């Protein structure tokens, strides 16, 4: 079976924001960064995900899940280690990421679909399908700033799945939106799996992960704590939480 995503000893650090500083001190940190002024979001992370598999990322806030997804999309580059991603990637990360509040829903569809690699002709061909899936046709010509968070998620998910990706990356957005659209998203993701697509889902909801994912990866403070069958990883994570309390 071919490999869709490969992480090998991946490390990623970000600079700490130190508040107010003299200009000379800030320039010194930019020119000569110190490890003491950097936060390691991922530390020596390694895993392989085969084509057609689904991986659930679990862990507390700040554990590195979103950083891992950003690296997989290519939006960020690792400081150490290597990453290989084989196939077209579509990502649904931060709520409203890539959307402009002053553009209408229709305009945001066209801009985001183009950014995801669709040609103008492909966007035109799929536009009605995207709008129909989102269920917000009556608001599609209104500015995004007038949308509720649930409506914005509907639009973002509709665009993300419309590009027919090989790999779908999702970062905890299913908590927003109504039950009908949630059911619609669940069926769409199951159809992706039946078609042999690869899915990586970051979520705090263990039921969501076991619904979709064969495998799990538990991150804590940037390190891999456990990797394996999804239910076993979730049990280990919850067991550690229980012991800590």
C-alpha atoms as a PDB file:
ATOM      1  CA  UNK A   1       0.000   0.000   0.000  1.00  0.00           C
ATOM      2  CA  UNK A   2       1.364   3.424  -0.949  1.00  0.00           C
ATOM      3  CA  UNK A   3       2.134   6.105   1.628  1.00  0.00           C
ATOM      4  CA  UNK A   4       0.005   9.267   1.624  1.00  0.00           C
ATOM      5  CA  UNK A   5       1.765  11.170   4.437  1.00  0.00           C
ATOM      6  CA  UNK A   6       5.231  10.544   5.869  1.00  0.00           C
ATOM      7  CA  UNK A   7       6.706  12.458   8.826  1.00  0.00           C
ATOM      8  CA  UNK A   8      10.248  11.581   9.887  1.00  0.00           C
ATOM      9  CA  UNK A   9      11.774  13.163  13.023  1.00  0.00           C
ATOM     10  CA  UNK A  10       9.883  16.403  12.364  1.00  0.00           C
ATOM     11  CA  UNK A  11      10.513  19.390  14.603  1.00  0.00           C
ATOM     12  CA  UNK A  12       8.856  22.795  14.386  1.00  0.00           C
ATOM     13  CA  UNK A  13       9.476  25.797  16.646  1.00  0.00           C
ATOM     14  CA  UNK A  14       7.996  29.278  16.782  1.00  0.00           C
ATOM     15  CA  UNK A  15       9.393  32.434  18.392  1.00  0.00           C
ATOM     16  CA  UNK A  16       7.982  33.481  21.731  1.00  0.00           C
ATOM     17  CA  UNK A  17       6.351  36.894  21.693  1.00  0.00           C
ATOM     18  CA  UNK A  18       8.105  38.696  24.501  1.00  0.00           C
ATOM     19  CA  UNK A  19       5.867  41.736  24.737  1.00  0.00           C
ATOM     20  CA  UNK A  20       7.374  45.200  24.618  1.00  0.00           C
ATOM     21  CA  UNK A  21      11.093  45.339  23.847  1.00  0.00           C
ATOM     22  CA  UNK A  22      13.603  47.928  22.784  1.00  0.00           C
ATOM     23  CA  UNK A  23      14.143  47.931  19.042  1.00  0.00           C
ATOM     24  CA  UNK A  24      17.821  46.959  19.421  1.00  0.00           C
ATOM     25  CA  UNK A  25      16.862  43.938  21.523  1.00  0.00           C
ATOM     26  CA  UNK A  26      14.225  42.802  19.036  1.00  0.00           C
ATOM     27  CA  UNK A  27      16.699  43.144  16.156  1.00  0.00           C
ATOM     28  CA  UNK A  28      19.250  41.150  18.124  1.00  0.00           C
ATOM     29  CA  UNK A  29      16.752  38.312  18.585  1.00  0.00           C
ATOM     30  CA  UNK A  30      15.891  38.348  14.889  1.00  0.00           C
ATOM     31  CA  UNK A  31      19.546  38.221  13.852  1.00  0.00           C
ATOM     32  CA  UNK A  32      20.695  35.820  16.543  1.00  0.00           C
ATOM     33  CA  UNK A  33      17.699  33.781  17.698  1.00  0.00           C
ATOM     34  CA  UNK A  34      18.103  31.838  20.920  1.00  0.00           C
ATOM     35  CA  UNK A  35      16.474  28.522  21.712  1.00  0.00           C
ATOM     36  CA  UNK A  36      15.315  30.094  24.958  1.00  0.00           C
ATOM     37  CA  UNK A  37      13.125  32.455  22.917  1.00  0.00           C
ATOM     38  CA  UNK A  38      11.524  29.704  20.838  1.00  0.00           C
ATOM     39  CA  UNK A  39       8.609  27.397  21.573  1.00  0.00           C
ATOM     40  CA  UNK A  40       8.833  23.873  20.149  1.00  0.00           C
ATOM     41  CA  UNK A  41       5.371  23.036  18.832  1.00  0.00           C
ATOM     42  CA  UNK A  42       6.478  19.633  17.486  1.00  0.00           C
ATOM     43  CA  UNK A  43       9.413  17.584  18.755  1.00  0.00           C
ATOM     44  CA  UNK A  44      10.797  14.608  16.812  1.00  0.00           C
ATOM     45  CA  UNK A  45       7.424  13.511  15.381  1.00  0.00           C
ATOM     46  CA  UNK A  46       7.440  10.442  13.112  1.00  0.00           C
ATOM     47  CA  UNK A  47       4.556   8.510  11.550  1.00  0.00           C
ATOM     48  CA  UNK A  48       3.365   7.052   8.250  1.00  0.00           C
ATOM     49  CA  UNK A  49      -0.200   7.137   6.957  1.00  0.00           C
ATOM     50  CA  UNK A  50      -1.086   4.834   4.089  1.00  0.00           C
ATOM     51  CA  UNK A  51      -3.276   5.916   1.202  1.00  0.00           C
ATOM     52  CA  UNK A  52      -6.930   5.369   2.117  1.00  0.00           C
ATOM     53  CA  UNK A  53      -6.330   5.335   5.869  1.00  0.00           C
ATOM     54  CA  UNK A  54      -7.846   7.821   8.304  1.00  0.00           C
ATOM     55  CA  UNK A  55      -5.891   9.225  11.241  1.00  0.00           C
ATOM     56  CA  UNK A  56      -7.337  10.926  14.312  1.00  0.00           C
ATOM     57  CA  UNK A  57      -5.183  13.458  16.169  1.00  0.00           C
ATOM     58  CA  UNK A  58      -5.928  13.845  19.870  1.00  0.00           C
ATOM     59  CA  UNK A  59      -4.359  15.778  22.711  1.00  0.00           C
ATOM     60  CA  UNK A  60      -4.931  18.897  24.808  1.00  0.00           C
ATOM     61  CA  UNK A  61      -4.954  22.412  23.412  1.00  0.00           C
ATOM     62  CA  UNK A  62      -1.428  23.450  22.470  1.00  0.00           C
ATOM     63  CA  UNK A  63      -0.264  19.878  21.927  1.00  0.00           C
ATOM     64  CA  UNK A  64       0.756  20.449  18.283  1.00  0.00           C
ATOM     65  CA  UNK A  65      -2.218  19.072  16.347  1.00  0.00           C
ATOM     66  CA  UNK A  66      -2.829  22.240  14.319  1.00  0.00           C
ATOM     67  CA  UNK A  67       0.896  22.668  13.667  1.00  0.00           C
ATOM     68  CA  UNK A  68       1.075  19.123  12.302  1.00  0.00           C
ATOM     69  CA  UNK A  69      -1.834  19.829   9.941  1.00  0.00           C
ATOM     70  CA  UNK A  70      -0.283  23.090   8.761  1.00  0.00           C
ATOM     71  CA  UNK A  71       2.962  21.274   7.988  1.00  0.00           C
ATOM     72  CA  UNK A  72       1.059  18.594   6.063  1.00  0.00           C
ATOM     73  CA  UNK A  73      -0.598  21.253   3.902  1.00  0.00           C
ATOM     74  CA  UNK A  74       2.740  22.907   3.157  1.00  0.00           C
ATOM     75  CA  UNK A  75       1.591  26.183   4.721  1.00  0.00           C
ATOM     76  CA  UNK A  76       4.573  25.872   7.075  1.00  0.00           C
ATOM     77  CA  UNK A  77       7.939  24.187   6.748  1.00  0.00           C
ATOM     78  CA  UNK A  78       9.644  22.048   9.413  1.00  0.00           C
ATOM     79  CA  UNK A  79      12.789  23.219  11.194  1.00  0.00           C
ATOM     80  CA  UNK A  80      14.098  19.660  11.239  1.00  0.00           C
ATOM     81  CA  UNK A  81      13.211  16.285   9.779  1.00  0.00           C
ATOM     82  CA  UNK A  82      11.412  15.515   6.542  1.00  0.00           C
ATOM     83  CA  UNK A  83       7.805  15.429   5.304  1.00  0.00           C
ATOM     84  CA  UNK A  84       6.387  13.756   2.206  1.00  0.00           C
ATOM     85  CA  UNK A  85       2.777  14.190   1.108  1.00  0.00           C
ATOM     86  CA  UNK A  86       1.601  12.276  -1.959  1.00  0.00           C
ATOM     87  CA  UNK A  87      -1.601  13.562  -3.546  1.00  0.00           C
ATOM     88  CA  UNK A  88      -3.816  16.627  -3.817  1.00  0.00           C
ATOM     89  CA  UNK A  89      -4.522  18.112  -0.380  1.00  0.00           C
ATOM     90  CA  UNK A  90      -7.608  20.005   0.746  1.00  0.00           C
ATOM     91  CA  UNK A  91      -7.697  21.453   4.255  1.00  0.00           C
ATOM     92  CA  UNK A  92     -10.391  22.778   6.553  1.00  0.00           C
ATOM     93  CA  UNK A  93      -8.382  24.357   9.336  1.00  0.00           C
ATOM     94  CA  UNK A  94      -9.231  27.520  11.269  1.00  0.00           C
ATOM     95  CA  UNK A  95     -12.824  28.704  11.086  1.00  0.00           C
ATOM     96  CA  UNK A  96     -13.034  31.155   8.201  1.00  0.00           C
ATOM     97  CA  UNK A  97      -9.361  30.791   7.261  1.00  0.00           C
ATOM     98  CA  UNK A  98      -8.808  32.078   3.729  1.00  0.00           C
ATOM     99  CA  UNK A  99     -12.200  33.776   3.619  1.00  0.00           C
ATOM    100  CA  UNK A 100     -12.548  37.552   3.407  1.00  0.00           C
ATOM    101  CA  UNK A 101     -15.379  39.073   5.462  1.00  0.00           C
ATOM    102  CA  UNK A 102     -16.113  41.832   2.936  1.00  0.00           C
ATOM    103  CA  UNK A 103     -16.506  39.437   0.012  1.00  0.00           C
ATOM    104  CA  UNK A 104     -19.815  37.704  -0.605  1.00  0.00           C
ATOM    105  CA  UNK A 105     -20.217  33.985  -0.133  1.00  0.00           C
ATOM    106  CA  UNK A 106     -20.169  33.533  -3.907  1.00  0.00           C
ATOM    107  CA  UNK A 107     -16.966  35.554  -4.259  1.00  0.00           C
ATOM    108  CA  UNK A 108     -15.315  33.617  -1.445  1.00  0.00           C
ATOM    109  CA  UNK A 109     -16.219  30.334  -3.146  1.00  0.00           C
ATOM    110  CA  UNK A 110     -14.515  31.431  -6.358  1.00  0.00           C
ATOM    111  CA  UNK A 111     -11.406  32.776  -4.606  1.00  0.00           C
ATOM    112  CA  UNK A 112     -10.927  29.774  -2.327  1.00  0.00           C
ATOM    113  CA  UNK A 113     -11.614  27.181  -4.994  1.00  0.00           C
ATOM    114  CA  UNK A 114      -9.027  28.885  -7.205  1.00  0.00           C
ATOM    115  CA  UNK A 115      -6.508  28.879  -4.341  1.00  0.00           C
ATOM    116  CA  UNK A 116      -7.119  25.140  -3.967  1.00  0.00           C
ATOM    117  CA  UNK A 117      -6.177  24.589  -7.596  1.00  0.00           C
ATOM    118  CA  UNK A 118      -9.452  24.632  -9.524  1.00  0.00           C
ATOM    119  CA  UNK A 119      -9.511  26.399 -12.869  1.00  0.00           C
ATOM    120  CA  UNK A 120     -12.131  29.054 -13.606  1.00  0.00           C
ATOM    121  CA  UNK A 121     -14.016  26.545 -15.766  1.00  0.00           C
ATOM    122  CA  UNK A 122     -13.974  23.938 -12.970  1.00  0.00           C
ATOM    123  CA  UNK A 123     -15.220  26.504 -10.464  1.00  0.00           C
ATOM    124  CA  UNK A 124     -18.071  27.463 -12.787  1.00  0.00           C
ATOM    125  CA  UNK A 125     -18.959  23.807 -13.320  1.00  0.00           C
ATOM    126  CA  UNK A 126     -19.021  23.040  -9.589  1.00  0.00           C
ATOM    127  CA  UNK A 127     -20.394  26.332  -8.290  1.00  0.00           C
ATOM    128  CA  UNK A 128     -24.062  25.276  -8.056  1.00  0.00           C
ATOM    129  CA  UNK A 129     -23.061  21.983  -6.430  1.00  0.00           C
ATOM    130  CA  UNK A 130     -20.995  23.828  -3.799  1.00  0.00           C
ATOM    131  CA  UNK A 131     -23.833  26.232  -3.041  1.00  0.00           C
ATOM    132  CA  UNK A 132     -26.390  23.422  -2.854  1.00  0.00           C
ATOM    133  CA  UNK A 133     -24.224  21.408  -0.448  1.00  0.00           C
ATOM    134  CA  UNK A 134     -23.715  24.452   1.785  1.00  0.00           C
ATOM    135  CA  UNK A 135     -27.468  24.989   2.093  1.00  0.00           C
ATOM    136  CA  UNK A 136     -27.121  28.777   2.232  1.00  0.00           C
ATOM    137  CA  UNK A 137     -28.209  29.708  -1.288  1.00  0.00           C
ATOM    138  CA  UNK A 138     -30.419  32.577  -0.096  1.00  0.00           C
ATOM    139  CA  UNK A 139     -27.395  34.227   1.557  1.00  0.00           C
ATOM    140  CA  UNK A 140     -24.773  33.431  -1.080  1.00  0.00           C
ATOM    141  CA  UNK A 141     -24.635  37.015  -2.369  1.00  0.00           C
ATOM    142  CA  UNK A 142     -24.380  38.556   1.106  1.00  0.00           C
ATOM    143  CA  UNK A 143     -21.014  39.596   2.641  1.00  0.00           C
ATOM    144  CA  UNK A 144     -19.393  36.892   4.733  1.00  0.00           C
ATOM    145  CA  UNK A 145     -19.337  39.217   7.759  1.00  0.00           C
ATOM    146  CA  UNK A 146     -23.122  38.812   7.960  1.00  0.00           C
ATOM    147  CA  UNK A 147     -22.830  35.003   8.254  1.00  0.00           C
ATOM    148  CA  UNK A 148     -23.073  33.080  11.488  1.00  0.00           C
ATOM    149  CA  UNK A 149     -20.134  30.826  12.388  1.00  0.00           C
ATOM    150  CA  UNK A 150     -22.216  27.813  11.368  1.00  0.00           C
ATOM    151  CA  UNK A 151     -22.895  29.286   7.934  1.00  0.00           C
ATOM    152  CA  UNK A 152     -19.203  30.039   7.448  1.00  0.00           C
ATOM    153  CA  UNK A 153     -18.330  26.415   8.286  1.00  0.00           C
ATOM    154  CA  UNK A 154     -20.949  25.181   5.827  1.00  0.00           C
ATOM    155  CA  UNK A 155     -19.364  27.258   3.076  1.00  0.00           C
ATOM    156  CA  UNK A 156     -15.780  26.308   3.979  1.00  0.00           C
ATOM    157  CA  UNK A 157     -16.534  22.570   4.129  1.00  0.00           C
ATOM    158  CA  UNK A 158     -18.445  22.718   0.853  1.00  0.00           C
ATOM    159  CA  UNK A 159     -15.493  24.306  -0.929  1.00  0.00           C
ATOM    160  CA  UNK A 160     -12.947  21.956   0.695  1.00  0.00           C
ATOM    161  CA  UNK A 161     -14.701  18.785  -0.470  1.00  0.00           C
ATOM    162  CA  UNK A 162     -15.556  20.176  -3.919  1.00  0.00           C
ATOM    163  CA  UNK A 163     -11.944  20.033  -5.136  1.00  0.00           C
ATOM    164  CA  UNK A 164     -12.051  16.201  -4.924  1.00  0.00           C
ATOM    165  CA  UNK A 165      -8.813  15.898  -2.918  1.00  0.00           C
ATOM    166  CA  UNK A 166      -6.759  12.780  -2.370  1.00  0.00           C
ATOM    167  CA  UNK A 167      -6.095  13.891   1.225  1.00  0.00           C
ATOM    168  CA  UNK A 168      -8.554  15.814   3.425  1.00  0.00           C
ATOM    169  CA  UNK A 169      -7.229  17.546   6.554  1.00  0.00           C
ATOM    170  CA  UNK A 170      -9.764  18.772   9.132  1.00  0.00           C
ATOM    171  CA  UNK A 171      -9.094  20.699  12.328  1.00  0.00           C
ATOM    172  CA  UNK A 172     -11.940  20.613  14.915  1.00  0.00           C
ATOM    173  CA  UNK A 173     -14.713  22.418  13.080  1.00  0.00           C
ATOM    174  CA  UNK A 174     -17.586  19.969  13.430  1.00  0.00           C
ATOM    175  CA  UNK A 175     -18.737  21.500  16.696  1.00  0.00           C
ATOM    176  CA  UNK A 176     -20.143  24.435  14.728  1.00  0.00           C
ATOM    177  CA  UNK A 177     -23.292  24.063  12.672  1.00  0.00           C
ATOM    178  CA  UNK A 178     -26.636  22.308  12.947  1.00  0.00           C
ATOM    179  CA  UNK A 179     -27.362  18.597  13.190  1.00  0.00           C
ATOM    180  CA  UNK A 180     -28.620  18.299   9.604  1.00  0.00           C
ATOM    181  CA  UNK A 181     -25.406  19.683   8.151  1.00  0.00           C
ATOM    182  CA  UNK A 182     -23.319  17.556  10.535  1.00  0.00           C
ATOM    183  CA  UNK A 183     -25.079  14.457   9.178  1.00  0.00           C
ATOM    184  CA  UNK A 184     -24.433  15.681   5.634  1.00  0.00           C
ATOM    185  CA  UNK A 185     -20.714  16.131   6.406  1.00  0.00           C
ATOM    186  CA  UNK A 186     -20.506  12.681   7.997  1.00  0.00           C
ATOM    187  CA  UNK A 187     -21.959  11.060   4.890  1.00  0.00           C
ATOM    188  CA  UNK A 188     -19.585  13.044   2.654  1.00  0.00           C
ATOM    189  CA  UNK A 189     -16.582  11.893   4.665  1.00  0.00           C
ATOM    190  CA  UNK A 190     -17.774   8.280   4.548  1.00  0.00           C
ATOM    191  CA  UNK A 191     -18.100   8.595   0.773  1.00  0.00           C
ATOM    192  CA  UNK A 192     -14.526   9.889   0.662  1.00  0.00           C
ATOM    193  CA  UNK A 193     -13.371   6.845   2.607  1.00  0.00           C
ATOM    194  CA  UNK A 194     -15.275   4.480   0.313  1.00  0.00           C
ATOM    195  CA  UNK A 195     -13.490   6.172  -2.606  1.00  0.00           C
ATOM    196  CA  UNK A 196     -10.098   5.433  -1.012  1.00  0.00           C
ATOM    197  CA  UNK A 197      -9.332   8.973   0.116  1.00  0.00           C
ATOM    198  CA  UNK A 198      -7.009   9.720   3.053  1.00  0.00           C
ATOM    199  CA  UNK A 199      -8.334  11.744   6.011  1.00  0.00           C
ATOM    200  CA  UNK A 200      -6.564  13.355   8.961  1.00  0.00           C
ATOM    201  CA  UNK A 201      -8.943  14.658  11.626  1.00  0.00           C
ATOM    202  CA  UNK A 202      -7.921  16.649  14.702  1.00  0.00           C
ATOM    203  CA  UNK A 203     -10.647  16.597  17.329  1.00  0.00           C
ATOM    204  CA  UNK A 204     -11.357  16.620  21.056  1.00  0.00           C
ATOM    205  CA  UNK A 205     -14.365  14.380  20.401  1.00  0.00           C
ATOM    206  CA  UNK A 206     -13.398  10.701  20.794  1.00  0.00           C
ATOM    207  CA  UNK A 207     -16.684   9.525  19.267  1.00  0.00           C
ATOM    208  CA  UNK A 208     -15.950  11.491  16.103  1.00  0.00           C
ATOM    209  CA  UNK A 209     -12.478   9.990  15.847  1.00  0.00           C
ATOM    210  CA  UNK A 210     -13.664   6.401  16.327  1.00  0.00           C
ATOM    211  CA  UNK A 211     -16.450   7.016  13.779  1.00  0.00           C
ATOM    212  CA  UNK A 212     -13.976   7.924  11.033  1.00  0.00           C
ATOM    213  CA  UNK A 213     -10.469   6.871  11.962  1.00  0.00           C
ATOM    214  CA  UNK A 214      -8.798   3.489  12.001  1.00  0.00           C
ATOM    215  CA  UNK A 215      -5.663   4.975  13.560  1.00  0.00           C
ATOM    216  CA  UNK A 216      -4.933   7.494  16.270  1.00  0.00           C
ATOM    217  CA  UNK A 217      -2.008   9.731  17.205  1.00  0.00           C
ATOM    218  CA  UNK A 218      -1.810  11.275  20.682  1.00  0.00           C
ATOM    219  CA  UNK A 219       0.265  14.436  20.945  1.00  0.00           C
ATOM    220  CA  UNK A 220       1.244  16.219  24.145  1.00  0.00           C
ATOM    221  CA  UNK A 221       3.513  19.274  24.223  1.00  0.00           C
ATOM    222  CA  UNK A 222       4.627  18.486  20.704  1.00  0.00           C
ATOM    223  CA  UNK A 223       5.654  14.876  21.333  1.00  0.00           C
ATOM    224  CA  UNK A 224       4.025  11.638  20.194  1.00  0.00           C
ATOM    225  CA  UNK A 225       2.735   9.893  23.312  1.00  0.00           C
ATOM    226  CA  UNK A 226       1.000   6.991  21.561  1.00  0.00           C
ATOM    227  CA  UNK A 227       0.262   5.819  18.028  1.00  0.00           C
ATOM    228  CA  UNK A 228      -1.814   2.866  16.856  1.00  0.00           C
ATOM    229  CA  UNK A 229      -5.437   1.714  16.558  1.00  0.00           C
ATOM    230  CA  UNK A 230      -7.698   4.688  17.271  1.00  0.00           C
ATOM    231  CA  UNK A 231      -9.596   3.201  20.220  1.00  0.00           C
ATOM    232  CA  UNK A 232      -6.388   2.043  21.934  1.00  0.00           C
ATOM    233  CA  UNK A 233      -4.832   5.507  21.612  1.00  0.00           C
ATOM    234  CA  UNK A 234      -7.982   7.185  22.937  1.00  0.00           C
ATOM    235  CA  UNK A 235      -8.085   4.784  25.903  1.00  0.00           C
ATOM    236  CA  UNK A 236      -4.438   5.545  26.701  1.00  0.00           C
ATOM    237  CA  UNK A 237      -5.085   9.297  26.498  1.00  0.00           C
ATOM    238  CA  UNK A 238      -8.142   9.135  28.757  1.00  0.00           C
ATOM    239  CA  UNK A 239      -6.300   6.852  31.162  1.00  0.00           C
ATOM    240  CA  UNK A 240      -3.529   9.434  31.495  1.00  0.00           C
ATOM    241  CA  UNK A 241      -6.097  12.197  32.100  1.00  0.00           C
ATOM    242  CA  UNK A 242      -7.714  10.120  34.843  1.00  0.00           C
ATOM    243  CA  UNK A 243      -4.375   9.459  36.553  1.00  0.00           C
ATOM    244  CA  UNK A 244      -3.488  13.159  36.404  1.00  0.00           C
ATOM    245  CA  UNK A 245      -6.666  13.979  38.332  1.00  0.00           C
END
